Full PDB file with SEQRES, HELIX, SHEET, SSBOND, CRYST1, ORIGX, SCALE, CONECT and MASTER records, all heavy atoms in Angstrom:
SEQRES   1 A   33  TYR ARG TRP ARG PHE GLY ALA VAL ALA SER THR PRO VAL          
SEQRES   2 A   33  GLU ALA VAL GLU PHE ASP GLY ARG LEU VAL ARG VAL LEU          
SEQRES   3 A   33  CYS ALA VAL ASP PRO SER LEU                                  
HELIX    1 AA1 GLY A   20  VAL A   29  1                                  10    
CRYST1    1.000    1.000    1.000  90.00  90.00  90.00 P 1           1          
ORIGX1      1.000000  0.000000  0.000000        0.00000                         
ORIGX2      0.000000  1.000000  0.000000        0.00000                         
ORIGX3      0.000000  0.000000  1.000000        0.00000                         
SCALE1      1.000000  0.000000  0.000000        0.00000                         
SCALE2      0.000000  1.000000  0.000000        0.00000                         
SCALE3      0.000000  0.000000  1.000000        0.00000                         
ATOM      1  N   TYR A   1     -75.979  30.322-169.020  1.00  0.00           N  
ATOM      2  CA  TYR A   1     -76.532  31.683-168.963  1.00  0.00           C  
ATOM      3  C   TYR A   1     -75.438  32.739-168.788  1.00  0.00           C  
ATOM      4  O   TYR A   1     -75.470  33.587-167.919  1.00  0.00           O  
ATOM      5  CB  TYR A   1     -77.591  31.822-167.860  1.00  0.00           C  
ATOM      6  CG  TYR A   1     -78.629  30.740-167.906  1.00  0.00           C  
ATOM      7  CD1 TYR A   1     -78.770  29.828-166.856  1.00  0.00           C  
ATOM      8  CD2 TYR A   1     -79.480  30.605-169.001  1.00  0.00           C  
ATOM      9  CE1 TYR A   1     -79.722  28.830-166.905  1.00  0.00           C  
ATOM     10  CE2 TYR A   1     -80.443  29.600-169.052  1.00  0.00           C  
ATOM     11  CZ  TYR A   1     -80.548  28.712-168.000  1.00  0.00           C  
ATOM     12  OH  TYR A   1     -81.491  27.727-168.048  1.00  0.00           O  
ATOM     13  N   ARG A   2     -74.460  32.660-169.678  1.00  0.00           N  
ATOM     14  CA  ARG A   2     -73.369  33.640-169.723  1.00  0.00           C  
ATOM     15  C   ARG A   2     -73.251  34.151-171.150  1.00  0.00           C  
ATOM     16  O   ARG A   2     -73.418  33.394-172.100  1.00  0.00           O  
ATOM     17  CB  ARG A   2     -72.052  33.010-169.272  1.00  0.00           C  
ATOM     18  CG  ARG A   2     -72.129  32.517-167.840  1.00  0.00           C  
ATOM     19  CD  ARG A   2     -70.785  32.550-167.172  1.00  0.00           C  
ATOM     20  NE  ARG A   2     -70.915  32.230-165.763  1.00  0.00           N  
ATOM     21  CZ  ARG A   2     -71.020  33.151-164.797  1.00  0.00           C  
ATOM     22  NH1 ARG A   2     -70.977  34.419-165.089  1.00  0.00           N  
ATOM     23  NH2 ARG A   2     -71.123  32.783-163.546  1.00  0.00           N  
ATOM     24  N   TRP A   3     -72.961  35.443-171.278  1.00  0.00           N  
ATOM     25  CA  TRP A   3     -72.878  36.048-172.600  1.00  0.00           C  
ATOM     26  C   TRP A   3     -71.814  35.377-173.445  1.00  0.00           C  
ATOM     27  O   TRP A   3     -70.690  35.200-172.993  1.00  0.00           O  
ATOM     28  CB  TRP A   3     -72.582  37.545-172.504  1.00  0.00           C  
ATOM     29  CG  TRP A   3     -73.676  38.329-171.862  1.00  0.00           C  
ATOM     30  CD1 TRP A   3     -73.610  38.988-170.669  1.00  0.00           C  
ATOM     31  CD2 TRP A   3     -74.995  38.535-172.367  1.00  0.00           C  
ATOM     32  NE1 TRP A   3     -74.818  39.583-170.401  1.00  0.00           N  
ATOM     33  CE2 TRP A   3     -75.692  39.325-171.430  1.00  0.00           C  
ATOM     34  CE3 TRP A   3     -75.666  38.128-173.512  1.00  0.00           C  
ATOM     35  CZ2 TRP A   3     -77.012  39.725-171.609  1.00  0.00           C  
ATOM     36  CZ3 TRP A   3     -76.983  38.520-173.698  1.00  0.00           C  
ATOM     37  CH2 TRP A   3     -77.647  39.309-172.757  1.00  0.00           C  
ATOM     38  N   ARG A   4     -72.162  35.034-174.673  1.00  0.00           N  
ATOM     39  CA  ARG A   4     -71.209  34.450-175.621  1.00  0.00           C  
ATOM     40  C   ARG A   4     -70.489  35.542-176.397  1.00  0.00           C  
ATOM     41  O   ARG A   4     -69.411  35.319-176.918  1.00  0.00           O  
ATOM     42  CB  ARG A   4     -71.929  33.530-176.605  1.00  0.00           C  
ATOM     43  CG  ARG A   4     -72.055  32.082-176.212  1.00  0.00           C  
ATOM     44  CD  ARG A   4     -72.652  31.830-174.874  1.00  0.00           C  
ATOM     45  NE  ARG A   4     -73.020  30.432-174.663  1.00  0.00           N  
ATOM     46  CZ  ARG A   4     -74.128  30.077-174.050  1.00  0.00           C  
ATOM     47  NH1 ARG A   4     -74.981  30.959-173.599  1.00  0.00           N  
ATOM     48  NH2 ARG A   4     -74.379  28.809-173.855  1.00  0.00           N  
ATOM     49  N   PHE A   5     -71.101  36.720-176.518  1.00  0.00           N  
ATOM     50  CA  PHE A   5     -70.505  37.891-177.159  1.00  0.00           C  
ATOM     51  C   PHE A   5     -70.724  39.084-176.238  1.00  0.00           C  
ATOM     52  O   PHE A   5     -71.576  39.062-175.365  1.00  0.00           O  
ATOM     53  CB  PHE A   5     -71.181  38.211-178.504  1.00  0.00           C  
ATOM     54  CG  PHE A   5     -71.017  37.157-179.553  1.00  0.00           C  
ATOM     55  CD1 PHE A   5     -72.114  36.462-180.036  1.00  0.00           C  
ATOM     56  CD2 PHE A   5     -69.773  36.874-180.092  1.00  0.00           C  
ATOM     57  CE1 PHE A   5     -71.979  35.492-181.018  1.00  0.00           C  
ATOM     58  CE2 PHE A   5     -69.618  35.909-181.074  1.00  0.00           C  
ATOM     59  CZ  PHE A   5     -70.727  35.217-181.534  1.00  0.00           C  
ATOM     60  N   GLY A   6     -69.969  40.144-176.468  1.00  0.00           N  
ATOM     61  CA  GLY A   6     -70.218  41.404-175.797  1.00  0.00           C  
ATOM     62  C   GLY A   6     -71.106  42.268-176.681  1.00  0.00           C  
ATOM     63  O   GLY A   6     -71.255  42.007-177.883  1.00  0.00           O  
ATOM     64  N   ALA A   7     -71.711  43.306-176.089  1.00  0.00           N  
ATOM     65  CA  ALA A   7     -72.564  44.222-176.844  1.00  0.00           C  
ATOM     66  C   ALA A   7     -72.446  45.613-176.234  1.00  0.00           C  
ATOM     67  O   ALA A   7     -72.474  45.773-175.012  1.00  0.00           O  
ATOM     68  CB  ALA A   7     -74.017  43.759-176.812  1.00  0.00           C  
ATOM     69  N   VAL A   8     -72.306  46.615-177.116  1.00  0.00           N  
ATOM     70  CA  VAL A   8     -72.182  47.999-176.679  1.00  0.00           C  
ATOM     71  C   VAL A   8     -73.017  48.882-177.602  1.00  0.00           C  
ATOM     72  O   VAL A   8     -73.086  48.638-178.812  1.00  0.00           O  
ATOM     73  CB  VAL A   8     -70.704  48.449-176.638  1.00  0.00           C  
ATOM     74  CG1 VAL A   8     -70.069  48.445-178.006  1.00  0.00           C  
ATOM     75  CG2 VAL A   8     -70.552  49.787-175.967  1.00  0.00           C  
ATOM     76  N   ALA A   9     -73.674  49.885-177.027  1.00  0.00           N  
ATOM     77  CA  ALA A   9     -74.459  50.822-177.833  1.00  0.00           C  
ATOM     78  C   ALA A   9     -73.506  51.702-178.640  1.00  0.00           C  
ATOM     79  O   ALA A   9     -72.687  52.410-178.071  1.00  0.00           O  
ATOM     80  CB  ALA A   9     -75.348  51.680-176.930  1.00  0.00           C  
ATOM     81  N   SER A  10     -73.602  51.631-179.965  1.00  0.00           N  
ATOM     82  CA  SER A  10     -72.770  52.462-180.838  1.00  0.00           C  
ATOM     83  C   SER A  10     -73.338  53.867-180.955  1.00  0.00           C  
ATOM     84  O   SER A  10     -72.600  54.830-181.182  1.00  0.00           O  
ATOM     85  CB  SER A  10     -72.699  51.857-182.243  1.00  0.00           C  
ATOM     86  OG  SER A  10     -72.163  50.573-182.198  1.00  0.00           O  
ATOM     87  N   THR A  11     -74.656  53.965-180.849  1.00  0.00           N  
ATOM     88  CA  THR A  11     -75.393  55.223-180.883  1.00  0.00           C  
ATOM     89  C   THR A  11     -76.364  55.184-179.714  1.00  0.00           C  
ATOM     90  O   THR A  11     -76.512  54.123-179.089  1.00  0.00           O  
ATOM     91  CB  THR A  11     -76.199  55.358-182.198  1.00  0.00           C  
ATOM     92  OG1 THR A  11     -77.227  54.353-182.198  1.00  0.00           O  
ATOM     93  CG2 THR A  11     -75.317  55.206-183.432  1.00  0.00           C  
ATOM     94  N   PRO A  12     -77.044  56.266-179.422  1.00  0.00           N  
ATOM     95  CA  PRO A  12     -78.120  56.144-178.425  1.00  0.00           C  
ATOM     96  C   PRO A  12     -79.118  55.075-178.897  1.00  0.00           C  
ATOM     97  O   PRO A  12     -79.434  54.994-180.086  1.00  0.00           O  
ATOM     98  CB  PRO A  12     -78.755  57.532-178.407  1.00  0.00           C  
ATOM     99  CG  PRO A  12     -77.648  58.444-178.869  1.00  0.00           C  
ATOM    100  CD  PRO A  12     -76.878  57.642-179.887  1.00  0.00           C  
ATOM    101  N   VAL A  13     -79.565  54.242-177.965  1.00  0.00           N  
ATOM    102  CA  VAL A  13     -80.430  53.113-178.293  1.00  0.00           C  
ATOM    103  C   VAL A  13     -81.705  53.169-177.471  1.00  0.00           C  
ATOM    104  O   VAL A  13     -81.666  53.420-176.263  1.00  0.00           O  
ATOM    105  CB  VAL A  13     -79.704  51.762-178.026  1.00  0.00           C  
ATOM    106  CG1 VAL A  13     -80.647  50.574-178.161  1.00  0.00           C  
ATOM    107  CG2 VAL A  13     -78.510  51.617-178.948  1.00  0.00           C  
ATOM    108  N   GLU A  14     -82.824  52.937-178.144  1.00  0.00           N  
ATOM    109  CA  GLU A  14     -84.103  52.686-177.480  1.00  0.00           C  
ATOM    110  C   GLU A  14     -84.446  51.241-177.755  1.00  0.00           C  
ATOM    111  O   GLU A  14     -84.308  50.775-178.897  1.00  0.00           O  
ATOM    112  CB  GLU A  14     -85.198  53.603-178.030  1.00  0.00           C  
ATOM    113  CG  GLU A  14     -84.990  55.051-177.691  1.00  0.00           C  
ATOM    114  CD  GLU A  14     -86.073  55.947-178.276  1.00  0.00           C  
ATOM    115  OE1 GLU A  14     -87.109  55.422-178.756  1.00  0.00           O  
ATOM    116  OE2 GLU A  14     -85.869  57.156-178.265  1.00  0.00           O  
ATOM    117  N   ALA A  15     -84.861  50.515-176.720  1.00  0.00           N  
ATOM    118  CA  ALA A  15     -85.107  49.088-176.884  1.00  0.00           C  
ATOM    119  C   ALA A  15     -86.201  48.606-175.953  1.00  0.00           C  
ATOM    120  O   ALA A  15     -86.550  49.280-174.981  1.00  0.00           O  
ATOM    121  CB  ALA A  15     -83.820  48.312-176.605  1.00  0.00           C  
ATOM    122  N   VAL A  16     -86.712  47.435-176.261  1.00  0.00           N  
ATOM    123  CA  VAL A  16     -87.586  46.710-175.347  1.00  0.00           C  
ATOM    124  C   VAL A  16     -86.693  45.673-174.676  1.00  0.00           C  
ATOM    125  O   VAL A  16     -86.041  44.877-175.351  1.00  0.00           O  
ATOM    126  CB  VAL A  16     -88.749  46.020-176.095  1.00  0.00           C  
ATOM    127  CG1 VAL A  16     -89.620  45.247-175.107  1.00  0.00           C  
ATOM    128  CG2 VAL A  16     -89.573  47.039-176.864  1.00  0.00           C  
ATOM    129  N   GLU A  17     -86.638  45.736-173.348  1.00  0.00           N  
ATOM    130  CA  GLU A  17     -85.810  44.814-172.578  1.00  0.00           C  
ATOM    131  C   GLU A  17     -86.692  43.732-171.977  1.00  0.00           C  
ATOM    132  O   GLU A  17     -87.757  44.023-171.436  1.00  0.00           O  
ATOM    133  CB  GLU A  17     -85.098  45.573-171.462  1.00  0.00           C  
ATOM    134  CG  GLU A  17     -84.213  44.697-170.603  1.00  0.00           C  
ATOM    135  CD  GLU A  17     -83.501  45.502-169.538  1.00  0.00           C  
ATOM    136  OE1 GLU A  17     -82.458  46.107-169.873  1.00  0.00           O  
ATOM    137  OE2 GLU A  17     -84.000  45.544-168.397  1.00  0.00           O  
ATOM    138  N   PHE A  18     -86.235  42.480-172.069  1.00  0.00           N  
ATOM    139  CA  PHE A  18     -86.970  41.348-171.517  1.00  0.00           C  
ATOM    140  C   PHE A  18     -86.169  40.710-170.393  1.00  0.00           C  
ATOM    141  O   PHE A  18     -84.948  40.534-170.508  1.00  0.00           O  
ATOM    142  CB  PHE A  18     -87.222  40.294-172.604  1.00  0.00           C  
ATOM    143  CG  PHE A  18     -88.176  40.746-173.661  1.00  0.00           C  
ATOM    144  CD1 PHE A  18     -87.726  41.499-174.735  1.00  0.00           C  
ATOM    145  CD2 PHE A  18     -89.522  40.427-173.590  1.00  0.00           C  
ATOM    146  CE1 PHE A  18     -88.597  41.922-175.720  1.00  0.00           C  
ATOM    147  CE2 PHE A  18     -90.410  40.854-174.568  1.00  0.00           C  
ATOM    148  CZ  PHE A  18     -89.948  41.600-175.642  1.00  0.00           C  
ATOM    149  N   ASP A  19     -86.867  40.345-169.331  1.00  0.00           N  
ATOM    150  CA  ASP A  19     -86.273  39.621-168.211  1.00  0.00           C  
ATOM    151  C   ASP A  19     -86.151  38.161-168.636  1.00  0.00           C  
ATOM    152  O   ASP A  19     -87.160  37.449-168.723  1.00  0.00           O  
ATOM    153  CB  ASP A  19     -87.165  39.762-166.987  1.00  0.00           C  
ATOM    154  CG  ASP A  19     -86.647  39.036-165.765  1.00  0.00           C  
ATOM    155  OD1 ASP A  19     -85.976  37.987-165.914  1.00  0.00           O  
ATOM    156  OD2 ASP A  19     -86.933  39.496-164.646  1.00  0.00           O  
ATOM    157  N   GLY A  20     -84.930  37.715-168.911  1.00  0.00           N  
ATOM    158  CA  GLY A  20     -84.705  36.366-169.405  1.00  0.00           C  
ATOM    159  C   GLY A  20     -85.137  35.281-168.439  1.00  0.00           C  
ATOM    160  O   GLY A  20     -85.668  34.246-168.851  1.00  0.00           O  
ATOM    161  N   ARG A  21     -84.937  35.498-167.155  1.00  0.00           N  
ATOM    162  CA  ARG A  21     -85.349  34.485-166.171  1.00  0.00           C  
ATOM    163  C   ARG A  21     -86.856  34.295-166.201  1.00  0.00           C  
ATOM    164  O   ARG A  21     -87.348  33.158-166.183  1.00  0.00           O  
ATOM    165  CB  ARG A  21     -84.871  34.869-164.782  1.00  0.00           C  
ATOM    166  CG  ARG A  21     -83.345  34.771-164.652  1.00  0.00           C  
ATOM    167  CD  ARG A  21     -82.864  35.323-163.360  1.00  0.00           C  
ATOM    168  NE  ARG A  21     -83.123  36.771-163.393  1.00  0.00           N  
ATOM    169  CZ  ARG A  21     -82.782  37.630-162.460  1.00  0.00           C  
ATOM    170  NH1 ARG A  21     -82.166  37.197-161.392  1.00  0.00           N  
ATOM    171  NH2 ARG A  21     -83.028  38.911-162.580  1.00  0.00           N  
ATOM    172  N   LEU A  22     -87.601  35.397-166.265  1.00  0.00           N  
ATOM    173  CA  LEU A  22     -89.057  35.302-166.323  1.00  0.00           C  
ATOM    174  C   LEU A  22     -89.515  34.654-167.631  1.00  0.00           C  
ATOM    175  O   LEU A  22     -90.430  33.827-167.647  1.00  0.00           O  
ATOM    176  CB  LEU A  22     -89.698  36.685-166.158  1.00  0.00           C  
ATOM    177  CG  LEU A  22     -91.223  36.737-166.210  1.00  0.00           C  
ATOM    178  CD1 LEU A  22     -91.863  35.749-165.233  1.00  0.00           C  
ATOM    179  CD2 LEU A  22     -91.709  38.157-165.949  1.00  0.00           C  
ATOM    180  N   VAL A  23     -88.869  34.987-168.726  1.00  0.00           N  
ATOM    181  CA  VAL A  23     -89.225  34.375-170.013  1.00  0.00           C  
ATOM    182  C   VAL A  23     -88.961  32.868-169.967  1.00  0.00           C  
ATOM    183  O   VAL A  23     -89.762  32.076-170.481  1.00  0.00           O  
ATOM    184  CB  VAL A  23     -88.495  35.050-171.190  1.00  0.00           C  
ATOM    185  CG1 VAL A  23     -88.753  34.305-172.499  1.00  0.00           C  
ATOM    186  CG2 VAL A  23     -88.933  36.509-171.321  1.00  0.00           C  
ATOM    187  N   ARG A  24     -87.882  32.440-169.319  1.00  0.00           N  
ATOM    188  CA  ARG A  24     -87.633  30.995-169.174  1.00  0.00           C  
ATOM    189  C   ARG A  24     -88.752  30.313-168.395  1.00  0.00           C  
ATOM    190  O   ARG A  24     -89.182  29.211-168.749  1.00  0.00           O  
ATOM    191  CB  ARG A  24     -86.283  30.730-168.505  1.00  0.00           C  
ATOM    192  CG  ARG A  24     -85.089  30.982-169.411  1.00  0.00           C  
ATOM    193  CD  ARG A  24     -83.804  30.374-168.870  1.00  0.00           C  
ATOM    194  NE  ARG A  24     -83.469  30.744-167.518  1.00  0.00           N  
ATOM    195  CZ  ARG A  24     -82.676  31.761-167.170  1.00  0.00           C  
ATOM    196  NH1 ARG A  24     -82.138  32.538-168.114  1.00  0.00           N  
ATOM    197  NH2 ARG A  24     -82.409  32.015-165.914  1.00  0.00           N  
ATOM    198  N   VAL A  25     -89.257  30.965-167.360  1.00  0.00           N  
ATOM    199  CA  VAL A  25     -90.378  30.412-166.589  1.00  0.00           C  
ATOM    200  C   VAL A  25     -91.619  30.322-167.472  1.00  0.00           C  
ATOM    201  O   VAL A  25     -92.316  29.301-167.483  1.00  0.00           O  
ATOM    202  CB  VAL A  25     -90.666  31.261-165.322  1.00  0.00           C  
ATOM    203  CG1 VAL A  25     -91.982  30.857-164.671  1.00  0.00           C  
ATOM    204  CG2 VAL A  25     -89.515  31.139-164.334  1.00  0.00           C  
ATOM    205  N   LEU A  26     -91.894  31.384-168.235  1.00  0.00           N  
ATOM    206  CA  LEU A  26     -93.053  31.370-169.133  1.00  0.00           C  
ATOM    207  C   LEU A  26     -92.938  30.221-170.147  1.00  0.00           C  
ATOM    208  O   LEU A  26     -93.941  29.569-170.460  1.00  0.00           O  
ATOM    209  CB  LEU A  26     -93.177  32.707-169.865  1.00  0.00           C  
ATOM    210  CG  LEU A  26     -93.491  33.921-168.999  1.00  0.00           C  
ATOM    211  CD1 LEU A  26     -93.392  35.202-169.838  1.00  0.00           C  
ATOM    212  CD2 LEU A  26     -94.859  33.796-168.354  1.00  0.00           C  
ATOM    213  N   CYS A  27     -91.743  29.978-170.637  1.00  0.00           N  
ATOM    214  CA  CYS A  27     -91.528  28.886-171.595  1.00  0.00           C  
ATOM    215  C   CYS A  27     -91.730  27.522-170.940  1.00  0.00           C  
ATOM    216  O   CYS A  27     -92.244  26.598-171.566  1.00  0.00           O  
ATOM    217  CB  CYS A  27     -90.133  28.976-172.191  1.00  0.00           C  
ATOM    218  SG  CYS A  27     -89.912  30.389-173.298  1.00  0.00           S  
ATOM    219  N   ALA A  28     -91.319  27.386-169.678  1.00  0.00           N  
ATOM    220  CA  ALA A  28     -91.488  26.122-168.967  1.00  0.00           C  
ATOM    221  C   ALA A  28     -92.968  25.828-168.725  1.00  0.00           C  
ATOM    222  O   ALA A  28     -93.404  24.678-168.818  1.00  0.00           O  
ATOM    223  CB  ALA A  28     -90.724  26.150-167.645  1.00  0.00           C  
ATOM    224  N   VAL A  29     -93.738  26.870-168.448  1.00  0.00           N  
ATOM    225  CA  VAL A  29     -95.174  26.718-168.196  1.00  0.00           C  
ATOM    226  C   VAL A  29     -95.933  26.438-169.489  1.00  0.00           C  
ATOM    227  O   VAL A  29     -96.915  25.696-169.499  1.00  0.00           O  
ATOM    228  CB  VAL A  29     -95.722  27.984-167.492  1.00  0.00           C  
ATOM    229  CG1 VAL A  29     -97.237  27.980-167.426  1.00  0.00           C  
ATOM    230  CG2 VAL A  29     -95.118  28.111-166.106  1.00  0.00           C  
ATOM    231  N   ASP A  30     -95.489  27.032-170.592  1.00  0.00           N  
ATOM    232  CA  ASP A  30     -96.162  26.873-171.887  1.00  0.00           C  
ATOM    233  C   ASP A  30     -95.149  26.357-172.911  1.00  0.00           C  
ATOM    234  O   ASP A  30     -94.464  27.139-173.567  1.00  0.00           O  
ATOM    235  CB  ASP A  30     -96.752  28.209-172.337  1.00  0.00           C  
ATOM    236  CG  ASP A  30     -97.510  28.122-173.651  1.00  0.00           C  
ATOM    237  OD1 ASP A  30     -97.495  27.050-174.302  1.00  0.00           O  
ATOM    238  OD2 ASP A  30     -98.111  29.131-174.041  1.00  0.00           O  
ATOM    239  N   PRO A  31     -95.053  25.027-173.059  1.00  0.00           N  
ATOM    240  CA  PRO A  31     -94.068  24.461-173.978  1.00  0.00           C  
ATOM    241  C   PRO A  31     -94.207  24.942-175.422  1.00  0.00           C  
ATOM    242  O   PRO A  31     -93.202  25.031-176.132  1.00  0.00           O  
ATOM    243  CB  PRO A  31     -94.310  22.948-173.878  1.00  0.00           C  
ATOM    244  CG  PRO A  31     -94.920  22.759-172.523  1.00  0.00           C  
ATOM    245  CD  PRO A  31     -95.753  23.990-172.294  1.00  0.00           C  
ATOM    246  N   SER A  32     -95.399  25.282-175.870  1.00  0.00           N  
ATOM    247  CA  SER A  32     -95.527  25.773-177.252  1.00  0.00           C  
ATOM    248  C   SER A  32     -94.859  27.142-177.395  1.00  0.00           C  
ATOM    249  O   SER A  32     -94.232  27.425-178.419  1.00  0.00           O  
ATOM    250  CB  SER A  32     -96.984  25.812-177.718  1.00  0.00           C  
ATOM    251  OG  SER A  32     -97.724  26.763-176.990  1.00  0.00           O  
ATOM    252  N   LEU A  33     -94.957  27.981-176.371  1.00  0.00           N  
ATOM    253  CA  LEU A  33     -94.241  29.260-176.376  1.00  0.00           C  
ATOM    254  C   LEU A  33     -92.737  28.987-176.343  1.00  0.00           C  
ATOM    255  O   LEU A  33     -91.969  29.606-177.093  1.00  0.00           O  
ATOM    256  CB  LEU A  33     -94.650  30.126-175.181  1.00  0.00           C  
ATOM    257  CG  LEU A  33     -93.829  31.402-174.979  1.00  0.00           C  
ATOM    258  CD1 LEU A  33     -93.998  32.361-176.149  1.00  0.00           C  
ATOM    259  CD2 LEU A  33     -94.229  32.076-173.666  1.00  0.00           C  
TER     260      LEU A  33                                                      
MASTER        0    0    0    1    0    0    0    6  259    1    0    3          
END                                                                             
């Protein structure tokens, strides 16, 4: 769980951010997800 690449906003950015730890839990609870 360490970045393999860096990332920087080249312009102003709007995004949907996801909590990776929570998504990992959701995946563990629902293997099809």
